[in-house]
């Protein structure tokens, strides 16, 4: 999905849509960036049938969620500052971006 182009009036449906889609994109980029820095197989195209690739991606998502929710493992898997975050309306990039280069 694409954002609406140009300057949009404050409070308009299009501007709210742009904000929400950009925020969702940031979440997805964080998770995929972190996952690809840990699970390096995600850095290149998967030479699998689409159904198998979907299962592999879902497996990584489940493993990621398990590691994030486990109190013992979460501190090791995602150190403070790993994800992007917003501070005073400014996006501070997470450390995963440096790990994935």
PDB file of N, CA and C in Angstrom:
ATOM      1  N   UNK A   1       0.843  -1.168   0.000  1.00  0.00           N
ATOM      2  CA  UNK A   1       0.000   0.000   0.000  1.00  0.00           C
ATOM      3  C   UNK A   1       0.891   1.234   0.000  1.00  0.00           C
ATOM      4  N   UNK A   2       0.421   2.270  -0.647  1.00  0.00           N
ATOM      5  CA  UNK A   2       1.170   3.517  -0.744  1.00  0.00           C
ATOM      6  C   UNK A   2       0.485   4.608   0.059  1.00  0.00           C
ATOM      7  N   UNK A   3       1.309   5.548   0.517  1.00  0.00           N
ATOM      8  CA  UNK A   3       0.764   6.699   1.221  1.00  0.00           C
ATOM      9  C   UNK A   3       0.212   7.692   0.208  1.00  0.00           C
ATOM     10  N   UNK A   4      -0.678   8.552   0.671  1.00  0.00           N
ATOM     11  CA  UNK A   4      -1.193   9.622  -0.179  1.00  0.00           C
ATOM     12  C   UNK A   4      -0.091  10.660  -0.348  1.00  0.00           C
ATOM     13  N   UNK A   5       0.142  11.129  -1.572  1.00  0.00           N
ATOM     14  CA  UNK A   5       1.224  12.095  -1.803  1.00  0.00           C
ATOM     15  C   UNK A   5       0.822  13.520  -1.414  1.00  0.00           C
ATOM     16  N   UNK A   6       1.840  14.359  -1.249  1.00  0.00           N
ATOM     17  CA  UNK A   6       1.620  15.787  -1.050  1.00  0.00           C
ATOM     18  C   UNK A   6       1.303  16.179   0.380  1.00  0.00           C
ATOM     19  N   UNK A   7       1.089  17.480   0.556  1.00  0.00           N
ATOM     20  CA  UNK A   7       0.727  18.034   1.860  1.00  0.00           C
ATOM     21  C   UNK A   7      -0.756  17.795   2.091  1.00  0.00           C
ATOM     22  N   UNK A   8      -1.077  17.209   3.204  1.00  0.00           N
ATOM     23  CA  UNK A   8      -2.470  16.906   3.516  1.00  0.00           C
ATOM     24  C   UNK A   8      -2.896  17.710   4.736  1.00  0.00           C
ATOM     25  N   UNK A   9      -4.147  18.104   4.756  1.00  0.00           N
ATOM     26  CA  UNK A   9      -4.628  18.926   5.869  1.00  0.00           C
ATOM     27  C   UNK A   9      -4.671  18.097   7.159  1.00  0.00           C
ATOM     28  N   UNK A  10      -4.357  18.766   8.247  1.00  0.00           N
ATOM     29  CA  UNK A  10      -4.307  18.118   9.556  1.00  0.00           C
ATOM     30  C   UNK A  10      -5.679  17.538   9.909  1.00  0.00           C
ATOM     31  N   UNK A  11      -5.681  16.271  10.334  1.00  0.00           N
ATOM     32  CA  UNK A  11      -6.914  15.618  10.736  1.00  0.00           C
ATOM     33  C   UNK A  11      -7.686  14.978   9.597  1.00  0.00           C
ATOM     34  N   UNK A  12      -7.197  15.113   8.360  1.00  0.00           N
ATOM     35  CA  UNK A  12      -7.902  14.507   7.225  1.00  0.00           C
ATOM     36  C   UNK A  12      -7.731  12.984   7.269  1.00  0.00           C
ATOM     37  N   UNK A  13      -8.672  12.285   6.651  1.00  0.00           N
ATOM     38  CA  UNK A  13      -8.611  10.824   6.625  1.00  0.00           C
ATOM     39  C   UNK A  13      -7.334  10.337   5.946  1.00  0.00           C
ATOM     40  N   UNK A  14      -6.915  11.043   4.904  1.00  0.00           N
ATOM     41  CA  UNK A  14      -5.710  10.648   4.180  1.00  0.00           C
ATOM     42  C   UNK A  14      -4.464  10.804   5.047  1.00  0.00           C
ATOM     43  N   UNK A  15      -4.380  11.891   5.801  1.00  0.00           N
ATOM     44  CA  UNK A  15      -3.218  12.113   6.656  1.00  0.00           C
ATOM     45  C   UNK A  15      -3.178  11.088   7.791  1.00  0.00           C
ATOM     46  N   UNK A  16      -4.321  10.758   8.356  1.00  0.00           N
ATOM     47  CA  UNK A  16      -4.388   9.734   9.401  1.00  0.00           C
ATOM     48  C   UNK A  16      -3.969   8.389   8.823  1.00  0.00           C
ATOM     49  N   UNK A  17      -4.442   8.079   7.610  1.00  0.00           N
ATOM     50  CA  UNK A  17      -4.052   6.844   6.938  1.00  0.00           C
ATOM     51  C   UNK A  17      -2.536   6.796   6.757  1.00  0.00           C
ATOM     52  N   UNK A  18      -1.941   7.902   6.259  1.00  0.00           N
ATOM     53  CA  UNK A  18      -0.495   7.956   6.059  1.00  0.00           C
ATOM     54  C   UNK A  18       0.256   7.701   7.366  1.00  0.00           C
ATOM     55  N   UNK A  19      -0.193   8.323   8.441  1.00  0.00           N
ATOM     56  CA  UNK A  19       0.456   8.146   9.738  1.00  0.00           C
ATOM     57  C   UNK A  19       0.416   6.689  10.169  1.00  0.00           C
ATOM     58  N   UNK A  20      -0.755   6.086  10.043  1.00  0.00           N
ATOM     59  CA  UNK A  20      -0.918   4.703  10.498  1.00  0.00           C
ATOM     60  C   UNK A  20      -0.151   3.718   9.638  1.00  0.00           C
ATOM     61  N   UNK A  21      -0.146   3.919   8.341  1.00  0.00           N
ATOM     62  CA  UNK A  21       0.581   2.982   7.483  1.00  0.00           C
ATOM     63  C   UNK A  21       2.088   3.119   7.689  1.00  0.00           C
ATOM     64  N   UNK A  22       2.568   4.345   7.924  1.00  0.00           N
ATOM     65  CA  UNK A  22       3.994   4.542   8.189  1.00  0.00           C
ATOM     66  C   UNK A  22       4.396   3.920   9.519  1.00  0.00           C
ATOM     67  N   UNK A  23       3.539   4.032  10.501  1.00  0.00           N
ATOM     68  CA  UNK A  23       3.819   3.428  11.801  1.00  0.00           C
ATOM     69  C   UNK A  23       3.835   1.901  11.683  1.00  0.00           C
ATOM     70  N   UNK A  24       2.886   1.338  10.954  1.00  0.00           N
ATOM     71  CA  UNK A  24       2.847  -0.114  10.750  1.00  0.00           C
ATOM     72  C   UNK A  24       4.076  -0.576   9.979  1.00  0.00           C
ATOM     73  N   UNK A  25       4.472   0.194   8.974  1.00  0.00           N
ATOM     74  CA  UNK A  25       5.662  -0.163   8.196  1.00  0.00           C
ATOM     75  C   UNK A  25       6.896  -0.180   9.084  1.00  0.00           C
ATOM     76  N   UNK A  26       7.000   0.774  10.003  1.00  0.00           N
ATOM     77  CA  UNK A  26       8.145   0.826  10.908  1.00  0.00           C
ATOM     78  C   UNK A  26       8.192  -0.414  11.797  1.00  0.00           C
ATOM     79  N   UNK A  27       7.034  -0.863  12.275  1.00  0.00           N
ATOM     80  CA  UNK A  27       6.974  -2.062  13.107  1.00  0.00           C
ATOM     81  C   UNK A  27       7.452  -3.273  12.307  1.00  0.00           C
ATOM     82  N   UNK A  28       6.953  -3.403  11.093  1.00  0.00           N
ATOM     83  CA  UNK A  28       7.342  -4.535  10.245  1.00  0.00           C
ATOM     84  C   UNK A  28       8.833  -4.484   9.933  1.00  0.00           C
ATOM     85  N   UNK A  29       9.358  -3.306   9.613  1.00  0.00           N
ATOM     86  CA  UNK A  29      10.786  -3.173   9.333  1.00  0.00           C
ATOM     87  C   UNK A  29      11.627  -3.542  10.551  1.00  0.00           C
ATOM     88  N   UNK A  30      11.182  -3.136  11.733  1.00  0.00           N
ATOM     89  CA  UNK A  30      11.901  -3.492  12.954  1.00  0.00           C
ATOM     90  C   UNK A  30      11.970  -4.999  13.135  1.00  0.00           C
ATOM     91  N   UNK A  31      10.826  -5.647  13.036  1.00  0.00           N
ATOM     92  CA  UNK A  31      10.777  -7.089  13.262  1.00  0.00           C
ATOM     93  C   UNK A  31      11.576  -7.826  12.197  1.00  0.00           C
ATOM     94  N   UNK A  32      11.370  -7.477  10.933  1.00  0.00           N
ATOM     95  CA  UNK A  32      12.089  -8.180   9.874  1.00  0.00           C
ATOM     96  C   UNK A  32      13.581  -7.874   9.940  1.00  0.00           C
ATOM     97  N   UNK A  33      13.944  -6.633  10.242  1.00  0.00           N
ATOM     98  CA  UNK A  33      15.361  -6.289  10.370  1.00  0.00           C
ATOM     99  C   UNK A  33      16.029  -7.051  11.487  1.00  0.00           C
ATOM    100  N   UNK A  34      15.363  -7.134  12.610  1.00  0.00           N
ATOM    101  CA  UNK A  34      15.904  -7.886  13.732  1.00  0.00           C
ATOM    102  C   UNK A  34      15.984  -9.368  13.387  1.00  0.00           C
ATOM    103  N   UNK A  35      14.915  -9.900  12.821  1.00  0.00           N
ATOM    104  CA  UNK A  35      14.890 -11.324  12.468  1.00  0.00           C
ATOM    105  C   UNK A  35      15.975 -11.650  11.455  1.00  0.00           C
ATOM    106  N   UNK A  36      16.180 -10.791  10.453  1.00  0.00           N
ATOM    107  CA  UNK A  36      17.200 -11.081   9.446  1.00  0.00           C
ATOM    108  C   UNK A  36      18.610 -10.907   9.989  1.00  0.00           C
ATOM    109  N   UNK A  37      18.772 -10.119  11.051  1.00  0.00           N
ATOM    110  CA  UNK A  37      20.099 -10.020  11.657  1.00  0.00           C
ATOM    111  C   UNK A  37      20.402 -11.245  12.519  1.00  0.00           C
ATOM    112  N   UNK A  38      19.370 -11.913  13.001  1.00  0.00           N
ATOM    113  CA  UNK A  38      19.546 -13.127  13.799  1.00  0.00           C
ATOM    114  C   UNK A  38      19.475 -14.364  12.910  1.00  0.00           C
ATOM    115  N   UNK A  39      18.453 -14.437  12.074  1.00  0.00           N
ATOM    116  CA  UNK A  39      18.246 -15.572  11.186  1.00  0.00           C
ATOM    117  C   UNK A  39      18.724 -15.161   9.793  1.00  0.00           C
ATOM    118  N   UNK A  40      19.967 -15.370   9.533  1.00  0.00           N
ATOM    119  CA  UNK A  40      20.605 -14.825   8.328  1.00  0.00           C
ATOM    120  C   UNK A  40      20.044 -15.381   7.025  1.00  0.00           C
ATOM    121  N   UNK A  41      19.333 -16.480   7.086  1.00  0.00           N
ATOM    122  CA  UNK A  41      18.721 -17.035   5.878  1.00  0.00           C
ATOM    123  C   UNK A  41      17.697 -16.060   5.282  1.00  0.00           C
ATOM    124  N   UNK A  42      17.192 -15.133   6.075  1.00  0.00           N
ATOM    125  CA  UNK A  42      16.205 -14.159   5.600  1.00  0.00           C
ATOM    126  C   UNK A  42      16.839 -13.027   4.792  1.00  0.00           C
ATOM    127  N   UNK A  43      18.155 -13.003   4.704  1.00  0.00           N
ATOM    128  CA  UNK A  43      18.838 -11.911   3.983  1.00  0.00           C
ATOM    129  C   UNK A  43      18.846 -12.098   2.473  1.00  0.00           C
ATOM    130  N   UNK A  44      18.516 -13.276   2.009  1.00  0.00           N
ATOM    131  CA  UNK A  44      18.519 -13.509   0.564  1.00  0.00           C
ATOM    132  C   UNK A  44      17.229 -14.210   0.170  1.00  0.00           C
ATOM    133  N   UNK A  45      16.920 -14.226  -1.111  1.00  0.00           N
ATOM    134  CA  UNK A  45      15.677 -14.872  -1.539  1.00  0.00           C
ATOM    135  C   UNK A  45      15.644 -16.348  -1.165  1.00  0.00           C
ATOM    136  N   UNK A  46      14.489 -16.808  -0.742  1.00  0.00           N
ATOM    137  CA  UNK A  46      14.309 -18.224  -0.425  1.00  0.00           C
ATOM    138  C   UNK A  46      13.936 -18.956  -1.705  1.00  0.00           C
ATOM    139  N   UNK A  47      14.699 -19.947  -2.039  1.00  0.00           N
ATOM    140  CA  UNK A  47      14.432 -20.719  -3.246  1.00  0.00           C
ATOM    141  C   UNK A  47      13.491 -21.867  -2.900  1.00  0.00           C
ATOM    142  N   UNK A  48      12.282 -21.504  -2.528  1.00  0.00           N
ATOM    143  CA  UNK A  48      11.263 -22.456  -2.106  1.00  0.00           C
ATOM    144  C   UNK A  48       9.959 -22.161  -2.819  1.00  0.00           C
ATOM    145  N   UNK A  49       9.107 -23.163  -2.831  1.00  0.00           N
ATOM    146  CA  UNK A  49       7.755 -22.950  -3.315  1.00  0.00           C
ATOM    147  C   UNK A  49       7.085 -21.933  -2.383  1.00  0.00           C
ATOM    148  N   UNK A  50       6.177 -21.112  -2.900  1.00  0.00           N
ATOM    149  CA  UNK A  50       5.544 -20.083  -2.065  1.00  0.00           C
ATOM    150  C   UNK A  50       4.935 -20.631  -0.768  1.00  0.00           C
ATOM    151  N   UNK A  51       4.318 -21.810  -0.820  1.00  0.00           N
ATOM    152  CA  UNK A  51       3.706 -22.386   0.382  1.00  0.00           C
ATOM    153  C   UNK A  51       4.765 -22.715   1.430  1.00  0.00           C
ATOM    154  N   UNK A  52       5.911 -23.257   0.994  1.00  0.00           N
ATOM    155  CA  UNK A  52       7.001 -23.580   1.920  1.00  0.00           C
ATOM    156  C   UNK A  52       7.633 -22.310   2.482  1.00  0.00           C
ATOM    157  N   UNK A  53       7.823 -21.308   1.628  1.00  0.00           N
ATOM    158  CA  UNK A  53       8.397 -20.038   2.086  1.00  0.00           C
ATOM    159  C   UNK A  53       7.488 -19.393   3.120  1.00  0.00           C
ATOM    160  N   UNK A  54       6.184 -19.507   2.929  1.00  0.00           N
ATOM    161  CA  UNK A  54       5.226 -18.954   3.887  1.00  0.00           C
ATOM    162  C   UNK A  54       5.358 -19.677   5.228  1.00  0.00           C
ATOM    163  N   UNK A  55       5.518 -21.000   5.203  1.00  0.00           N
ATOM    164  CA  UNK A  55       5.701 -21.763   6.446  1.00  0.00           C
ATOM    165  C   UNK A  55       6.997 -21.378   7.154  1.00  0.00           C
ATOM    166  N   UNK A  56       8.065 -21.193   6.385  1.00  0.00           N
ATOM    167  CA  UNK A  56       9.346 -20.794   6.970  1.00  0.00           C
ATOM    168  C   UNK A  56       9.218 -19.418   7.621  1.00  0.00           C
ATOM    169  N   UNK A  57       8.607 -18.468   6.909  1.00  0.00           N
ATOM    170  CA  UNK A  57       8.431 -17.122   7.456  1.00  0.00           C
ATOM    171  C   UNK A  57       7.567 -17.146   8.717  1.00  0.00           C
ATOM    172  N   UNK A  58       6.514 -17.945   8.698  1.00  0.00           N
ATOM    173  CA  UNK A  58       5.645 -18.052   9.875  1.00  0.00           C
ATOM    174  C   UNK A  58       6.404 -18.688  11.045  1.00  0.00           C
ATOM    175  N   UNK A  59       7.269 -19.636  10.751  1.00  0.00           N
ATOM    176  CA  UNK A  59       8.083 -20.263  11.802  1.00  0.00           C
ATOM    177  C   UNK A  59       9.003 -19.239  12.454  1.00  0.00           C
ATOM    178  N   UNK A  60       9.626 -18.386  11.625  1.00  0.00           N
ATOM    179  CA  UNK A  60      10.480 -17.336  12.179  1.00  0.00           C
ATOM    180  C   UNK A  60       9.668 -16.364  13.030  1.00  0.00           C
ATOM    181  N   UNK A  61       8.468 -16.041  12.584  1.00  0.00           N
ATOM    182  CA  UNK A  61       7.611 -15.132  13.348  1.00  0.00           C
ATOM    183  C   UNK A  61       7.249 -15.744  14.702  1.00  0.00           C
ATOM    184  N   UNK A  62       6.910 -17.028  14.706  1.00  0.00           N
ATOM    185  CA  UNK A  62       6.578 -17.706  15.972  1.00  0.00           C
ATOM    186  C   UNK A  62       7.784 -17.765  16.893  1.00  0.00           C
ATOM    187  N   UNK A  63       8.945 -18.088  16.333  1.00  0.00           N
ATOM    188  CA  UNK A  63      10.163 -18.144  17.139  1.00  0.00           C
ATOM    189  C   UNK A  63      10.509 -16.763  17.687  1.00  0.00           C
ATOM    190  N   UNK A  64      10.371 -15.742  16.860  1.00  0.00           N
ATOM    191  CA  UNK A  64      10.615 -14.361  17.307  1.00  0.00           C
ATOM    192  C   UNK A  64       9.694 -14.017  18.474  1.00  0.00           C
ATOM    193  N   UNK A  65       8.394 -14.311  18.330  1.00  0.00           N
ATOM    194  CA  UNK A  65       7.433 -14.001  19.391  1.00  0.00           C
ATOM    195  C   UNK A  65       7.757 -14.767  20.663  1.00  0.00           C
ATOM    196  N   UNK A  66       8.145 -16.022  20.528  1.00  0.00           N
ATOM    197  CA  UNK A  66       8.516 -16.816  21.696  1.00  0.00           C
ATOM    198  C   UNK A  66       9.715 -16.196  22.412  1.00  0.00           C
ATOM    199  N   UNK A  67      10.731 -15.820  21.649  1.00  0.00           N
ATOM    200  CA  UNK A  67      11.929 -15.232  22.260  1.00  0.00           C
ATOM    201  C   UNK A  67      11.626 -13.887  22.913  1.00  0.00           C
ATOM    202  N   UNK A  68      10.741 -13.099  22.310  1.00  0.00           N
ATOM    203  CA  UNK A  68      10.385 -11.804  22.886  1.00  0.00           C
ATOM    204  C   UNK A  68       9.556 -11.940  24.155  1.00  0.00           C
ATOM    205  N   UNK A  69       8.725 -12.975  24.236  1.00  0.00           N
ATOM    206  CA  UNK A  69       7.832 -13.129  25.388  1.00  0.00           C
ATOM    207  C   UNK A  69       8.467 -13.875  26.543  1.00  0.00           C
ATOM    208  N   UNK A  70       9.507 -14.627  26.284  1.00  0.00           N
ATOM    209  CA  UNK A  70      10.180 -15.369  27.341  1.00  0.00           C
ATOM    210  C   UNK A  70      11.008 -14.388  28.173  1.00  0.00           C
ATOM    211  N   UNK A  71      10.701 -14.296  29.454  1.00  0.00           N
ATOM    212  CA  UNK A  71      11.379 -13.304  30.300  1.00  0.00           C
ATOM    213  C   UNK A  71      12.883 -13.551  30.377  1.00  0.00           C
ATOM    214  N   UNK A  72      13.307 -14.797  30.343  1.00  0.00           N
ATOM    215  CA  UNK A  72      14.737 -15.100  30.406  1.00  0.00           C
ATOM    216  C   UNK A  72      15.458 -14.776  29.100  1.00  0.00           C
ATOM    217  N   UNK A  73      14.787 -15.010  27.967  1.00  0.00           N
ATOM    218  CA  UNK A  73      15.430 -14.858  26.671  1.00  0.00           C
ATOM    219  C   UNK A  73      15.283 -13.471  26.064  1.00  0.00           C
ATOM    220  N   UNK A  74      14.254 -12.751  26.432  1.00  0.00           N
ATOM    221  CA  UNK A  74      13.986 -11.449  25.814  1.00  0.00           C
ATOM    222  C   UNK A  74      15.134 -10.470  26.023  1.00  0.00           C
ATOM    223  N   UNK A  75      15.744 -10.477  27.203  1.00  0.00           N
ATOM    224  CA  UNK A  75      16.833  -9.546  27.492  1.00  0.00           C
ATOM    225  C   UNK A  75      18.073  -9.845  26.650  1.00  0.00           C
ATOM    226  N   UNK A  76      18.229 -11.089  26.237  1.00  0.00           N
ATOM    227  CA  UNK A  76      19.368 -11.464  25.397  1.00  0.00           C
ATOM    228  C   UNK A  76      19.039 -11.228  23.926  1.00  0.00           C
ATOM    229  N   UNK A  77      17.838 -11.605  23.528  1.00  0.00           N
ATOM    230  CA  UNK A  77      17.423 -11.511  22.123  1.00  0.00           C
ATOM    231  C   UNK A  77      17.273 -10.073  21.667  1.00  0.00           C
ATOM    232  N   UNK A  78      16.677  -9.228  22.473  1.00  0.00           N
ATOM    233  CA  UNK A  78      16.483  -7.824  22.103  1.00  0.00           C
ATOM    234  C   UNK A  78      16.965  -6.933  23.240  1.00  0.00           C
ATOM    235  N   UNK A  79      18.180  -6.471  23.115  1.00  0.00           N
ATOM    236  CA  UNK A  79      18.748  -5.567  24.111  1.00  0.00           C
ATOM    237  C   UNK A  79      18.051  -4.212  24.023  1.00  0.00           C
ATOM    238  N   UNK A  80      18.085  -3.421  25.098  1.00  0.00           N
ATOM    239  CA  UNK A  80      17.492  -2.083  25.031  1.00  0.00           C
ATOM    240  C   UNK A  80      18.093  -1.285  23.872  1.00  0.00           C
ATOM    241  N   UNK A  81      17.228  -0.598  23.123  1.00  0.00           N
ATOM    242  CA  UNK A  81      17.674   0.180  21.980  1.00  0.00           C
ATOM    243  C   UNK A  81      17.734  -0.607  20.684  1.00  0.00           C
ATOM    244  N   UNK A  82      17.286  -1.863  20.721  1.00  0.00           N
ATOM    245  CA  UNK A  82      17.326  -2.690  19.522  1.00  0.00           C
ATOM    246  C   UNK A  82      16.343  -2.200  18.473  1.00  0.00           C
ATOM    247  N   UNK A  83      15.127  -1.852  18.886  1.00  0.00           N
ATOM    248  CA  UNK A  83      14.087  -1.425  17.957  1.00  0.00           C
ATOM    249  C   UNK A  83      14.105   0.078  17.762  1.00  0.00           C
ATOM    250  N   UNK A  84      13.556   0.530  16.612  1.00  0.00           N
ATOM    251  CA  UNK A  84      13.327   1.957  16.405  1.00  0.00           C
ATOM    252  C   UNK A  84      12.292   2.421  17.422  1.00  0.00           C
ATOM    253  N   UNK A  85      12.384   3.672  17.818  1.00  0.00           N
ATOM    254  CA  UNK A  85      11.360   4.234  18.684  1.00  0.00           C
ATOM    255  C   UNK A  85      11.218   5.717  18.382  1.00  0.00           C
ATOM    256  N   UNK A  86      10.133   6.266  18.847  1.00  0.00           N
ATOM    257  CA  UNK A  86       9.820   7.667  18.585  1.00  0.00           C
ATOM    258  C   UNK A  86       9.982   8.456  19.874  1.00  0.00           C
ATOM    259  N   UNK A  87      10.686   9.584  19.772  1.00  0.00           N
ATOM    260  CA  UNK A  87      10.901  10.438  20.932  1.00  0.00           C
ATOM    261  C   UNK A  87      10.676  11.885  20.502  1.00  0.00           C
ATOM    262  N   UNK A  88       9.700  12.526  21.115  1.00  0.00           N
ATOM    263  CA  UNK A  88       9.353  13.911  20.776  1.00  0.00           C
ATOM    264  C   UNK A  88       9.083  14.081  19.280  1.00  0.00           C
ATOM    265  N   UNK A  89       8.395  13.116  18.683  1.00  0.00           N
ATOM    266  CA  UNK A  89       8.037  13.186  17.272  1.00  0.00           C
ATOM    267  C   UNK A  89       9.167  12.865  16.310  1.00  0.00           C
ATOM    268  N   UNK A  90      10.311  12.441  16.836  1.00  0.00           N
ATOM    269  CA  UNK A  90      11.472  12.119  15.999  1.00  0.00           C
ATOM    270  C   UNK A  90      11.765  10.631  16.127  1.00  0.00           C
ATOM    271  N   UNK A  91      12.038   9.963  15.013  1.00  0.00           N
ATOM    272  CA  UNK A  91      12.307   8.526  15.026  1.00  0.00           C
ATOM    273  C   UNK A  91      13.786   8.297  15.323  1.00  0.00           C
ATOM    274  N   UNK A  92      14.040   7.523  16.371  1.00  0.00           N
ATOM    275  CA  UNK A  92      15.398   7.134  16.737  1.00  0.00           C
ATOM    276  C   UNK A  92      15.592   5.710  16.231  1.00  0.00           C
ATOM    277  N   UNK A  93      16.585   5.503  15.370  1.00  0.00           N
ATOM    278  CA  UNK A  93      16.782   4.198  14.777  1.00  0.00           C
ATOM    279  C   UNK A  93      17.378   3.216  15.773  1.00  0.00           C
ATOM    280  N   UNK A  94      16.907   1.981  15.697  1.00  0.00           N
ATOM    281  CA  UNK A  94      17.379   0.925  16.578  1.00  0.00           C
ATOM    282  C   UNK A  94      18.716   0.343  16.126  1.00  0.00           C
ATOM    283  N   UNK A  95      19.361  -0.348  17.036  1.00  0.00           N
ATOM    284  CA  UNK A  95      20.685  -0.916  16.741  1.00  0.00           C
ATOM    285  C   UNK A  95      20.630  -2.045  15.729  1.00  0.00           C
ATOM    286  N   UNK A  96      19.462  -2.657  15.494  1.00  0.00           N
ATOM    287  CA  UNK A  96      19.378  -3.734  14.513  1.00  0.00           C
ATOM    288  C   UNK A  96      19.781  -3.261  13.140  1.00  0.00           C
ATOM    289  N   UNK A  97      19.614  -1.976  12.859  1.00  0.00           N
ATOM    290  CA  UNK A  97      19.955  -1.456  11.533  1.00  0.00           C
ATOM    291  C   UNK A  97      21.450  -1.575  11.264  1.00  0.00           C
ATOM    292  N   UNK A  98      22.264  -1.356  12.280  1.00  0.00           N
ATOM    293  CA  UNK A  98      23.711  -1.505  12.117  1.00  0.00           C
ATOM    294  C   UNK A  98      24.098  -2.977  12.014  1.00  0.00           C
ATOM    295  N   UNK A  99      23.370  -3.855  12.709  1.00  0.00           N
ATOM    296  CA  UNK A  99      23.670  -5.285  12.682  1.00  0.00           C
ATOM    297  C   UNK A  99      23.354  -5.900  11.333  1.00  0.00           C
ATOM    298  N   UNK A 100      22.362  -5.372  10.620  1.00  0.00           N
ATOM    299  CA  UNK A 100      21.904  -6.004   9.389  1.00  0.00           C
ATOM    300  C   UNK A 100      22.709  -5.555   8.166  1.00  0.00           C
ATOM    301  N   UNK A 101      23.632  -4.615   8.320  1.00  0.00           N
ATOM    302  CA  UNK A 101      24.437  -4.151   7.168  1.00  0.00           C
ATOM    303  C   UNK A 101      25.629  -5.025   6.939  1.00  0.00           C
TER     304      UNK A 101
END
